[in-house]
Amino acid sequence: MPAPKGNKFWEARSSYGRTKAFEAPETLWESCIEYFNWVHENPLEKSIVYQGQVNESQVETIMRAMTIDGLCTFLDIDVKTWSNYRQADGYEEYFQVVSKVESIIRTQKFEGAAAGLLNPNIIARDLGLRDATTNEHTGPNGSALPTPSYTFVGVAADRENKDEV
């Protein structure tokens, strides 16, 4: 059954729109610190493999990488909400907290990969790091380089000698 025409139910609402997940930047920061502590206190576990046999009684702890997705899951917010905290109007006071947290997460991943505690290839890809090489296809004055021509010396002569023998 639809609402009656001319109703004023919307006036009964005390606020408009959705409330912020974190009422103040300080509460967001405190919750992020809880995530950092949780990551540190809950490393990943890996069974040790010796001569092809998995020994489940021996477990090795491995560093858990911090991620924005993991943080958002921990905070029970959407990644879009995190993005809004970084750049949307009305959230300017959260920018410092968000940029500091992102810097901490980036540093933790980079240092973990540099120390061999995290997979360097995966972390480099995640952080947008890459080895760049450029191949110059122009000469020093900007003109195109000549196409190299190859000549095979001695191939025809060898074929002629084989036929005679």
Foldseek 3Di string as FASTA:
>chain_A
DDDDPPDDVVVPDPDDDDDQLDPALVVVLVLLVVVVVVQVVDFDKDFDADPNRTDNVDIDGARDADDLVSSCVSSVHDSVSLVCCCDNPPNVNNNVSSVVSVVVRLVRLVVCCVVVRDPVVVSCVVVVHDDDDDDDQADPVRHGDDDDDDDDPPPVVVVVVVVVD
